[in-house]
Amino acid sequence: MIEWRLNQPKWVQVANIIKERISSGDYPVDTPVPSEHQIVQEFGIARGTARKVLQRLQEEGVIYAVRGLGSFVSPPNGTDS
């Protein structure tokens, strides 16, 4: 289980972990990132918090969403596939 830092919201910490996994190549470009449900299960956070993680990563251009399919790693230049 994750050790939460008190000075940082959980959604920020989870988003940073996912970004680290993308940077390290665990999630290559155009491959799926964990779903909202998978994030809830892995990190033990609320569904709304998991949703916020994915929304913020999408706003930052780190991931893109395909309706009905899920969220995927964006190419480095931030363009969608």
C-alpha atoms as a PDB file:
ATOM      1  CA  MET A   1       0.000   0.000   0.000  1.00  0.00           C
ATOM      2  CA  ILE A   2       1.078   3.562  -0.606  1.00  0.00           C
ATOM      3  CA  GLU A   3       2.308   5.840   2.149  1.00  0.00           C
ATOM      4  CA  TRP A   4       0.388   9.091   1.768  1.00  0.00           C
ATOM      5  CA  ARG A   5       2.114  12.412   2.323  1.00  0.00           C
ATOM      6  CA  LEU A   6       0.073  14.753   4.475  1.00  0.00           C
ATOM      7  CA  ASN A   7       1.214  17.882   2.631  1.00  0.00           C
ATOM      8  CA  GLN A   8      -0.035  16.757  -0.790  1.00  0.00           C
ATOM      9  CA  PRO A   9      -3.521  15.708  -1.947  1.00  0.00           C
ATOM     10  CA  LYS A  10      -3.911  12.009  -2.751  1.00  0.00           C
ATOM     11  CA  TRP A  11      -4.932  12.718  -6.355  1.00  0.00           C
ATOM     12  CA  VAL A  12      -1.654  14.628  -6.914  1.00  0.00           C
ATOM     13  CA  GLN A  13       0.365  11.762  -5.462  1.00  0.00           C
ATOM     14  CA  VAL A  14      -1.414   9.159  -7.618  1.00  0.00           C
ATOM     15  CA  ALA A  15      -1.093  11.340 -10.736  1.00  0.00           C
ATOM     16  CA  ASN A  16       2.642  11.662 -10.055  1.00  0.00           C
ATOM     17  CA  ILE A  17       3.000   7.882  -9.705  1.00  0.00           C
ATOM     18  CA  ILE A  18       1.260   7.356 -13.060  1.00  0.00           C
ATOM     19  CA  LYS A  19       3.467  10.030 -14.674  1.00  0.00           C
ATOM     20  CA  GLU A  20       6.559   8.277 -13.278  1.00  0.00           C
ATOM     21  CA  ARG A  21       5.350   4.979 -14.750  1.00  0.00           C
ATOM     22  CA  ILE A  22       4.872   6.668 -18.129  1.00  0.00           C
ATOM     23  CA  SER A  23       8.353   8.242 -17.964  1.00  0.00           C
ATOM     24  CA  SER A  24       9.949   4.927 -17.045  1.00  0.00           C
ATOM     25  CA  GLY A  25       8.272   3.154 -19.953  1.00  0.00           C
ATOM     26  CA  ASP A  26       5.896   1.019 -17.883  1.00  0.00           C
ATOM     27  CA  TYR A  27       3.089   2.601 -19.922  1.00  0.00           C
ATOM     28  CA  PRO A  28       4.373   3.248 -23.474  1.00  0.00           C
ATOM     29  CA  VAL A  29       2.779   5.775 -25.850  1.00  0.00           C
ATOM     30  CA  ASP A  30      -0.704   4.815 -27.068  1.00  0.00           C
ATOM     31  CA  THR A  31      -1.099   2.036 -24.493  1.00  0.00           C
ATOM     32  CA  PRO A  32      -3.868   2.103 -21.890  1.00  0.00           C
ATOM     33  CA  VAL A  33      -3.337   3.562 -18.443  1.00  0.00           C
ATOM     34  CA  PRO A  34      -5.227   2.072 -15.496  1.00  0.00           C
ATOM     35  CA  SER A  35      -8.972   2.668 -15.503  1.00  0.00           C
ATOM     36  CA  GLU A  36     -10.779   4.586 -12.790  1.00  0.00           C
ATOM     37  CA  HIS A  37     -11.763   1.253 -11.217  1.00  0.00           C
ATOM     38  CA  GLN A  38      -8.182  -0.081 -11.359  1.00  0.00           C
ATOM     39  CA  ILE A  39      -6.872   3.106  -9.709  1.00  0.00           C
ATOM     40  CA  VAL A  40      -9.466   2.775  -6.931  1.00  0.00           C
ATOM     41  CA  GLN A  41      -8.417  -0.846  -6.347  1.00  0.00           C
ATOM     42  CA  GLU A  42      -4.654  -0.276  -6.497  1.00  0.00           C
ATOM     43  CA  PHE A  43      -4.435   2.863  -4.381  1.00  0.00           C
ATOM     44  CA  GLY A  44      -7.447   2.446  -2.109  1.00  0.00           C
ATOM     45  CA  ILE A  45      -8.870   5.859  -2.971  1.00  0.00           C
ATOM     46  CA  ALA A  46     -12.406   7.041  -3.662  1.00  0.00           C
ATOM     47  CA  ARG A  47     -13.863   6.829  -7.161  1.00  0.00           C
ATOM     48  CA  GLY A  48     -14.150  10.628  -7.371  1.00  0.00           C
ATOM     49  CA  THR A  49     -10.467  10.950  -6.521  1.00  0.00           C
ATOM     50  CA  ALA A  50      -9.542   8.440  -9.226  1.00  0.00           C
ATOM     51  CA  ARG A  51     -11.696  10.356 -11.707  1.00  0.00           C
ATOM     52  CA  LYS A  52      -9.880  13.563 -10.783  1.00  0.00           C
ATOM     53  CA  VAL A  53      -6.509  11.873 -11.396  1.00  0.00           C
ATOM     54  CA  LEU A  54      -7.510  10.896 -14.931  1.00  0.00           C
ATOM     55  CA  GLN A  55      -9.102  14.287 -15.656  1.00  0.00           C
ATOM     56  CA  ARG A  56      -6.009  16.179 -14.553  1.00  0.00           C
ATOM     57  CA  LEU A  57      -3.645  13.929 -16.511  1.00  0.00           C
ATOM     58  CA  GLN A  58      -5.806  14.511 -19.566  1.00  0.00           C
ATOM     59  CA  GLU A  59      -5.840  18.298 -18.981  1.00  0.00           C
ATOM     60  CA  GLU A  60      -2.039  18.215 -18.751  1.00  0.00           C
ATOM     61  CA  GLY A  61      -1.835  16.321 -22.052  1.00  0.00           C
ATOM     62  CA  VAL A  62      -0.217  13.283 -20.435  1.00  0.00           C
ATOM     63  CA  ILE A  63      -3.067  10.995 -21.488  1.00  0.00           C
ATOM     64  CA  TYR A  64      -5.977  11.113 -23.919  1.00  0.00           C
ATOM     65  CA  ALA A  65      -9.374   9.462 -23.684  1.00  0.00           C
ATOM     66  CA  VAL A  66     -11.206   7.462 -26.325  1.00  0.00           C
ATOM     67  CA  ARG A  67     -14.914   7.231 -25.591  1.00  0.00           C
ATOM     68  CA  GLY A  68     -15.854   3.644 -24.806  1.00  0.00           C
ATOM     69  CA  LEU A  69     -12.241   2.422 -24.790  1.00  0.00           C
ATOM     70  CA  GLY A  70     -10.496   4.224 -21.925  1.00  0.00           C
ATOM     71  CA  SER A  71      -7.466   6.450 -21.447  1.00  0.00           C
ATOM     72  CA  PHE A  72      -4.153   6.088 -23.233  1.00  0.00           C
ATOM     73  CA  VAL A  73      -0.646   7.565 -22.983  1.00  0.00           C
ATOM     74  CA  SER A  74      -0.250  10.624 -25.179  1.00  0.00           C
ATOM     75  CA  PRO A  75       2.721  10.993 -27.511  1.00  0.00           C
ATOM     76  CA  PRO A  76       5.471  13.255 -26.102  1.00  0.00           C
ATOM     77  CA  ASN A  77       4.386  16.246 -28.197  1.00  0.00           C
ATOM     78  CA  GLY A  78       0.919  16.041 -26.661  1.00  0.00           C
ATOM     79  CA  THR A  79      -1.020  15.297 -29.852  1.00  0.00           C
ATOM     80  CA  ASP A  80      -3.786  12.733 -29.765  1.00  0.00           C
ATOM     81  CA  SER A  81      -3.740   9.685 -31.981  1.00  0.00           C
END
